[in-house]
């Protein structure tokens, strides 16, 4: 029986662009994602080793806003994964394949509680401007986002668009150059709770097994809040917001070293749990 369920965000928590990785100082790195023939995402070598060892010791559930296709581009240490969560919780991958029943339930919940995607994408387009919007995309027929020139984007855009979305069952979050609009009912914590339920039902987890979580963005906030123990890096959207929660740990470092600190924290918590069990 496993001693912890570890749910971790990926981008800017475990994996980084080369520039973001260097924020906290230089270190030996390895590429974990190629895109169109070029290296895109990296981990420090030590972080990759720590994640591989963590996955061998307990249940790790990669938990990301990426689509299934985007997630599959990553060569993440510790794979293969019995469970992974993509699309901000709308998709649960079971042995690498989407769980259709879970997605159908999410789609129904969105239809019951949120304005249609077409309405939100149209409003996002109307409020944008070619002088600062580089791309507008929809993801998995579920949510939409902009890729923006942050220096040229109006300072009030996220706040004002967020107010418009809030009355329609949607939320807005900024992750670096990306501005996401996401149905409120689509969240990582719901999917983690479902994975946890399944693991308890099949005997992998004891009902008292703790959930440990890590993430850097506003889309991770509910996941961090609902975990038994949580950590966030000293960078990203939550750091800009100075977001806190009871018992939340904030890393000392930013950039690549923060991922190592997060993984050290996961291992330390796992070791404490093992000592308690014994």
Protein backbone atom coordinates (compact mmCIF):
# COMPACT_ATOMS: atom_id res chain seq x y z
CA UNK A 1 0.00 0.00 0.00
CA UNK A 2 1.42 3.37 -1.03
CA UNK A 3 2.11 5.96 1.68
CA UNK A 4 1.22 9.20 -0.13
CA UNK A 5 -0.51 10.51 -3.22
CA UNK A 6 1.64 13.20 -4.83
CA UNK A 7 -0.13 15.55 -7.26
CA UNK A 8 2.22 17.92 -9.02
CA UNK A 9 1.78 20.59 -11.63
CA UNK A 10 4.33 20.43 -14.45
CA UNK A 11 5.13 23.70 -16.25
CA UNK A 12 7.18 26.02 -14.03
CA UNK A 13 6.80 23.58 -11.14
CA UNK A 14 8.59 20.46 -12.40
CA UNK A 15 9.58 21.44 -15.96
CA UNK A 16 10.76 24.76 -17.36
CA UNK A 17 11.74 26.64 -20.47
CA UNK A 18 15.47 27.22 -20.63
CA UNK A 19 14.99 30.88 -19.64
CA UNK A 20 12.67 30.09 -16.71
CA UNK A 21 14.98 27.31 -15.52
CA UNK A 22 17.85 29.78 -15.26
CA UNK A 23 15.95 32.22 -13.00
CA UNK A 24 17.32 30.60 -9.88
CA UNK A 25 20.88 30.09 -11.13
CA UNK A 26 22.69 27.72 -13.46
CA UNK A 27 22.65 23.95 -13.05
CA UNK A 28 23.16 20.84 -15.15
CA UNK A 29 19.94 20.27 -17.13
CA UNK A 30 18.32 17.72 -19.39
CA UNK A 31 15.69 18.17 -22.08
CA UNK A 32 12.30 16.57 -21.34
CA UNK A 33 10.27 17.93 -24.27
CA UNK A 34 10.92 18.43 -27.97
CA UNK A 35 8.57 20.47 -30.17
CA UNK A 36 8.88 20.77 -33.93
CA UNK A 37 12.37 19.32 -33.74
CA UNK A 38 13.67 21.74 -31.12
CA UNK A 39 14.15 21.38 -27.34
CA UNK A 40 11.36 23.15 -25.47
CA UNK A 41 11.24 22.08 -21.81
CA UNK A 42 13.91 21.08 -19.32
CA UNK A 43 14.55 19.80 -15.81
CA UNK A 44 17.69 19.98 -13.77
CA UNK A 45 19.44 16.63 -13.73
CA UNK A 46 19.04 16.41 -9.97
CA UNK A 47 15.28 17.18 -10.17
CA UNK A 48 14.84 14.49 -12.82
CA UNK A 49 16.58 11.94 -10.58
CA UNK A 50 14.50 12.98 -7.56
CA UNK A 51 11.23 12.67 -9.51
CA UNK A 52 12.20 9.25 -10.85
CA UNK A 53 12.95 8.03 -7.32
CA UNK A 54 9.74 9.56 -5.95
CA UNK A 55 7.62 7.78 -8.57
CA UNK A 56 9.31 4.49 -7.65
CA UNK A 57 8.51 5.02 -3.97
CA UNK A 58 4.89 6.24 -4.02
CA UNK A 59 1.94 7.22 -6.22
CA UNK A 60 2.72 10.31 -8.30
CA UNK A 61 0.00 11.88 -10.45
CA UNK A 62 1.24 14.48 -12.96
CA UNK A 63 -1.43 17.18 -12.99
CA UNK A 64 -1.40 19.78 -15.76
CA UNK A 65 -3.43 22.30 -17.73
CA UNK A 66 -1.84 20.92 -20.89
CA UNK A 67 -4.00 18.97 -23.32
CA UNK A 68 -3.43 15.25 -23.75
CA UNK A 69 -1.41 15.87 -26.91
CA UNK A 70 0.79 18.46 -25.21
CA UNK A 71 1.31 16.20 -22.18
CA UNK A 72 2.36 13.30 -24.40
CA UNK A 73 5.22 15.37 -25.80
CA UNK A 74 6.95 15.30 -22.41
CA UNK A 75 9.42 12.56 -21.50
CA UNK A 76 8.83 12.85 -17.78
CA UNK A 77 11.08 10.88 -15.40
CA UNK A 78 9.11 8.24 -13.50
CA UNK A 79 6.83 7.24 -16.37
CA UNK A 80 4.76 5.29 -17.23
CA UNK A 81 1.96 6.72 -15.09
CA UNK A 82 -0.98 4.71 -13.89
CA UNK A 83 -2.91 7.97 -13.58
CA UNK A 84 -2.23 11.43 -14.97
CA UNK A 85 -4.48 14.48 -15.08
CA UNK A 86 -4.53 16.84 -18.05
CA UNK A 87 -6.67 19.69 -19.38
CA UNK A 88 -6.83 21.21 -15.88
CA UNK A 89 -8.74 18.20 -14.57
CA UNK A 90 -11.11 17.61 -17.49
CA UNK A 91 -9.17 14.50 -18.55
CA UNK A 92 -7.97 11.61 -16.41
CA UNK A 93 -5.51 9.39 -18.22
CA UNK A 94 -5.61 5.77 -17.09
CA UNK A 95 -2.50 3.92 -18.25
CA UNK A 96 -2.07 6.68 -20.82
CA UNK A 97 -5.61 6.64 -22.25
CA UNK A 98 -8.41 9.16 -21.57
CA UNK A 99 -11.22 8.00 -19.30
CA UNK A 100 -14.30 8.73 -21.43
CA UNK A 101 -16.81 8.50 -18.59
CA UNK A 102 -14.95 11.10 -16.54
CA UNK A 103 -14.77 13.50 -19.50
CA UNK A 104 -18.49 13.03 -20.23
CA UNK A 105 -19.30 13.93 -16.62
CA UNK A 106 -17.09 17.04 -16.84
CA UNK A 107 -18.72 18.13 -20.10
CA UNK A 108 -22.15 17.79 -18.51
CA UNK A 109 -21.08 19.78 -15.45
CA UNK A 110 -19.75 22.56 -17.71
CA UNK A 111 -22.98 22.62 -19.73
CA UNK A 112 -24.98 22.88 -16.49
CA UNK A 113 -22.95 25.67 -14.85
CA UNK A 114 -21.06 27.77 -17.42
CA UNK A 115 -21.64 29.89 -20.51
CA UNK A 116 -20.80 28.18 -23.83
CA UNK A 117 -17.20 28.16 -25.00
CA UNK A 118 -18.15 30.02 -28.22
CA UNK A 119 -19.56 32.91 -26.19
CA UNK A 120 -16.39 33.25 -24.13
CA UNK A 121 -14.01 32.94 -27.08
CA UNK A 122 -15.99 35.60 -28.96
CA UNK A 123 -15.73 37.98 -26.00
CA UNK A 124 -12.03 37.22 -25.58
CA UNK A 125 -11.50 38.04 -29.26
CA UNK A 126 -13.56 41.23 -29.02
CA UNK A 127 -11.51 42.50 -26.08
CA UNK A 128 -8.15 41.59 -27.63
CA UNK A 129 -6.08 43.58 -30.07
CA UNK A 130 -3.51 42.58 -32.66
CA UNK A 131 -1.05 45.01 -31.11
CA UNK A 132 -0.59 42.68 -28.13
CA UNK A 133 -2.43 39.39 -28.89
CA UNK A 134 -0.02 37.02 -30.62
CA UNK A 135 -2.31 33.96 -30.76
CA UNK A 136 -5.81 32.94 -29.67
CA UNK A 137 -6.51 29.25 -29.19
CA UNK A 138 -9.12 26.84 -27.89
CA UNK A 139 -8.04 23.65 -26.14
CA UNK A 140 -9.80 20.29 -26.21
CA UNK A 141 -13.17 21.95 -27.01
CA UNK A 142 -13.22 23.05 -23.39
CA UNK A 143 -11.35 26.30 -22.67
CA UNK A 144 -9.57 29.10 -24.49
CA UNK A 145 -6.43 31.16 -24.08
CA UNK A 146 -4.40 33.98 -25.52
CA UNK A 147 -0.67 34.17 -26.06
CA UNK A 148 0.20 37.82 -25.50
CA UNK A 149 2.96 40.40 -25.52
CA UNK A 150 2.89 41.06 -21.78
CA UNK A 151 4.63 44.44 -22.10
CA UNK A 152 2.00 45.71 -24.55
CA UNK A 153 -1.11 44.15 -22.97
CA UNK A 154 -3.36 46.63 -21.13
CA UNK A 155 -2.69 46.35 -17.40
CA UNK A 156 -6.43 45.99 -16.67
CA UNK A 157 -7.23 43.28 -19.23
CA UNK A 158 -7.05 40.26 -16.94
CA UNK A 159 -9.05 41.99 -14.20
CA UNK A 160 -11.82 43.33 -16.46
CA UNK A 161 -12.16 40.19 -18.57
CA UNK A 162 -12.13 38.20 -15.34
CA UNK A 163 -15.10 40.17 -14.02
CA UNK A 164 -17.02 39.51 -17.22
CA UNK A 165 -16.24 35.78 -17.03
CA UNK A 166 -17.06 35.51 -13.31
CA UNK A 167 -20.74 36.14 -13.96
CA UNK A 168 -20.82 33.33 -16.49
CA UNK A 169 -19.24 30.48 -14.55
CA UNK A 170 -15.72 31.05 -15.89
CA UNK A 171 -12.43 32.21 -14.39
CA UNK A 172 -9.40 33.96 -15.87
CA UNK A 173 -5.77 33.24 -15.03
CA UNK A 174 -2.44 34.50 -16.33
CA UNK A 175 0.45 32.06 -16.70
CA UNK A 176 3.37 34.03 -18.10
CA UNK A 177 2.48 34.98 -21.68
CA UNK A 178 -0.75 32.94 -21.63
CA UNK A 179 -4.14 34.24 -20.47
CA UNK A 180 -6.54 31.36 -19.80
CA UNK A 181 -10.32 31.41 -19.58
CA UNK A 182 -11.52 28.23 -17.86
CA UNK A 183 -14.95 27.00 -16.69
CA UNK A 184 -15.02 27.15 -12.88
CA UNK A 185 -16.18 23.56 -12.60
CA UNK A 186 -13.05 22.35 -14.43
CA UNK A 187 -10.37 22.14 -11.76
CA UNK A 188 -7.50 19.86 -10.86
CA UNK A 189 -8.71 19.20 -7.32
CA UNK A 190 -11.89 17.46 -8.55
CA UNK A 191 -9.88 15.09 -10.72
CA UNK A 192 -7.42 14.40 -7.90
CA UNK A 193 -10.31 13.55 -5.60
CA UNK A 194 -11.61 11.09 -8.20
CA UNK A 195 -8.21 9.43 -8.64
CA UNK A 196 -7.84 9.22 -4.86
CA UNK A 197 -11.28 7.59 -4.58
CA UNK A 198 -10.35 4.97 -7.17
CA UNK A 199 -7.02 4.22 -5.48
CA UNK A 200 -8.76 3.77 -2.12
CA UNK A 201 -11.37 1.51 -3.71
CA UNK A 202 -8.73 -0.78 -5.24
CA UNK A 203 -6.64 -0.90 -2.05
CA UNK A 204 -3.67 1.11 -3.32
CA UNK A 205 -4.35 3.87 -0.80
CA UNK A 206 -5.54 3.77 2.76
CA UNK A 207 -8.30 6.36 3.38
CA UNK A 208 -5.90 8.14 5.76
CA UNK A 209 -3.11 8.41 3.15
CA UNK A 210 -2.14 12.08 2.74
CA UNK A 211 -2.34 14.03 -0.51
CA UNK A 212 0.74 16.18 -1.18
CA UNK A 213 0.55 18.84 -3.90
CA UNK A 214 2.70 21.41 -5.71
CA UNK A 215 1.90 24.13 -8.23
CA UNK A 216 2.71 27.71 -9.19
CA UNK A 217 -0.39 29.20 -10.83
CA UNK A 218 -3.87 30.35 -9.87
CA UNK A 219 -5.27 27.28 -11.61
CA UNK A 220 -3.36 25.25 -8.98
CA UNK A 221 -4.72 27.15 -5.98
CA UNK A 222 -7.67 24.89 -5.21
CA UNK A 223 -5.47 21.81 -5.60
CA UNK A 224 -3.01 23.24 -3.07
CA UNK A 225 -5.76 24.31 -0.70
CA UNK A 226 -7.47 20.91 -0.71
CA UNK A 227 -4.28 18.86 -0.20
CA UNK A 228 -3.17 17.63 3.20
CA UNK A 229 0.14 19.43 2.65
CA UNK A 230 1.23 21.69 -0.20
CA UNK A 231 4.15 23.66 -1.55
CA UNK A 232 4.55 26.33 -4.23
CA UNK A 233 7.65 27.85 -5.82
CA UNK A 234 8.81 31.39 -5.17
CA UNK A 235 7.85 32.40 -8.70
CA UNK A 236 4.79 32.33 -10.95
CA UNK A 237 1.27 33.68 -10.67
CA UNK A 238 0.70 32.67 -7.05
CA UNK A 239 3.94 34.36 -6.03
CA UNK A 240 2.89 37.57 -7.83
CA UNK A 241 -0.42 37.38 -5.97
CA UNK A 242 1.41 36.58 -2.70
CA UNK A 243 -1.09 33.75 -2.34
CA UNK A 244 -1.08 31.83 0.93
CA UNK A 245 -3.06 29.03 2.53
CA UNK A 246 -2.90 27.37 5.94
CA UNK A 247 0.21 25.21 6.15
CA UNK A 248 1.41 26.13 2.67
CA UNK A 249 5.19 25.97 2.18
CA UNK A 250 6.91 28.42 -0.19
CA UNK A 251 10.30 27.51 -1.60
CA UNK A 252 13.35 29.58 -0.79
CA UNK A 253 14.48 29.50 -4.43
CA UNK A 254 12.91 30.35 -7.77
CA UNK A 255 13.52 28.85 -11.21
CA UNK A 256 15.07 25.41 -11.62
CA UNK A 257 16.35 25.14 -8.03
CA UNK A 258 12.75 25.51 -6.83
CA UNK A 259 11.83 22.22 -8.50
CA UNK A 260 14.61 20.48 -6.61
CA UNK A 261 13.42 22.06 -3.37
CA UNK A 262 9.85 20.92 -4.06
CA UNK A 263 11.00 17.36 -4.73
CA UNK A 264 13.18 17.35 -1.61
CA UNK A 265 10.06 18.42 0.31
CA UNK A 266 8.00 15.60 -1.21
CA UNK A 267 10.69 13.06 -0.24
CA UNK A 268 10.94 14.45 3.30
CA UNK A 269 7.16 14.21 3.77
CA UNK A 270 7.17 10.69 2.39
CA UNK A 271 9.92 9.67 4.81
CA UNK A 272 8.00 11.17 7.75
CA UNK A 273 4.91 9.22 6.71
CA UNK A 274 6.92 6.01 6.49
CA UNK A 275 8.35 6.53 9.99
CA UNK A 276 4.85 7.14 11.32
CA UNK A 277 3.52 3.95 9.69
CA UNK A 278 6.34 1.92 11.19
